[in-house]
Protein backbone atom coordinates (compact mmCIF):
# COMPACT_ATOMS: atom_id res chain seq x y z
CA MET A 1 51.86 -76.85 -63.72
CA PRO A 2 50.25 -77.45 -67.21
CA ASN A 3 48.44 -74.45 -69.14
CA GLN A 4 44.92 -76.41 -69.57
CA ASN A 5 43.16 -73.97 -67.23
CA CYS A 6 44.90 -70.76 -68.63
CA LEU A 7 43.87 -67.98 -70.89
CA ILE A 8 46.01 -65.35 -72.38
CA VAL A 9 44.58 -61.75 -72.53
CA ARG A 10 45.86 -58.85 -74.30
CA ALA A 11 45.23 -56.12 -72.00
CA ALA A 12 47.30 -53.22 -70.16
CA GLY A 13 46.85 -50.51 -67.68
CA ARG A 14 43.46 -50.26 -66.19
CA GLN A 15 41.97 -53.16 -68.28
CA LEU A 16 44.75 -55.41 -66.85
CA ASP A 17 43.82 -54.10 -63.16
CA LEU A 18 40.08 -54.61 -63.95
CA LEU A 19 41.18 -58.37 -65.09
CA ARG A 20 42.96 -58.97 -61.78
CA GLY A 21 40.23 -57.95 -59.74
CA GLU A 22 37.65 -60.07 -61.70
CA ALA A 23 40.24 -63.18 -61.48
CA SER A 24 40.45 -62.74 -57.71
CA ARG A 25 36.65 -62.53 -57.19
CA ILE A 26 36.10 -65.56 -59.40
CA ALA A 27 38.74 -67.61 -57.81
CA LYS A 28 37.60 -66.72 -54.37
CA SER A 29 33.85 -67.60 -55.10
CA ASN A 30 35.20 -71.03 -56.40
CA ASN A 31 37.41 -71.63 -53.68
CA VAL A 32 40.67 -72.18 -56.13
CA ASP A 33 43.80 -70.52 -56.50
CA TRP A 34 44.81 -68.47 -59.47
CA TRP A 35 48.29 -66.85 -60.71
CA ILE A 36 49.49 -64.72 -63.47
CA ASP A 37 52.50 -65.28 -65.74
CA ARG A 38 53.74 -63.16 -68.62
CA ALA A 39 53.15 -64.72 -72.11
CA GLU A 40 54.93 -64.16 -75.46
CA VAL A 41 51.92 -61.87 -76.46
CA GLY A 42 49.77 -60.74 -73.59
CA THR A 43 49.16 -61.76 -69.86
CA ARG A 44 48.32 -65.47 -69.03
CA PHE A 45 45.73 -65.82 -66.19
CA CYS A 46 45.72 -69.33 -64.67
CA PHE A 47 43.25 -71.06 -62.51
CA GLU A 48 43.06 -74.22 -60.59
CA ASP A 49 39.87 -75.47 -62.27
CA ALA A 50 38.07 -75.35 -65.55
CA LYS A 51 35.16 -73.77 -64.14
CA ALA A 52 36.75 -70.75 -62.87
CA LYS A 53 38.66 -70.52 -66.19
CA GLU A 54 35.28 -70.45 -68.10
CA SER A 55 33.76 -67.78 -65.79
CA PHE A 56 37.04 -65.55 -66.39
CA ALA A 57 36.56 -66.19 -70.26
CA LEU A 58 33.02 -64.86 -69.94
CA ALA A 59 34.28 -61.78 -67.92
CA CYS A 60 36.78 -61.13 -70.74
CA ASP A 61 34.14 -61.37 -73.33
CA ASN A 62 31.75 -58.97 -71.35
CA PHE A 63 34.47 -56.44 -71.05
CA GLY A 64 35.45 -56.90 -74.78
CA ILE A 65 38.94 -57.98 -74.06
CA PRO A 66 40.71 -60.37 -76.53
CA ARG A 67 41.38 -63.54 -75.18
CA GLN A 68 42.77 -67.05 -76.24
CA ASP A 69 43.49 -70.48 -74.75
CA GLY A 70 46.93 -70.44 -73.29
């Protein structure tokens, strides 16, 4: 699947756990699936649609966690 609805985040430990929970909540509220892959630098969070990806991007910004499209 293409990475058009994916974000790469640089987080570890509790921050990564926090993001997993946030991704799950966002996906559930948008009725979409999500998954995680390893990236070269960081962790790739992917969603089935762009709306969920944008919500997740805002959550990353609110938590002060660096992110990039990926």
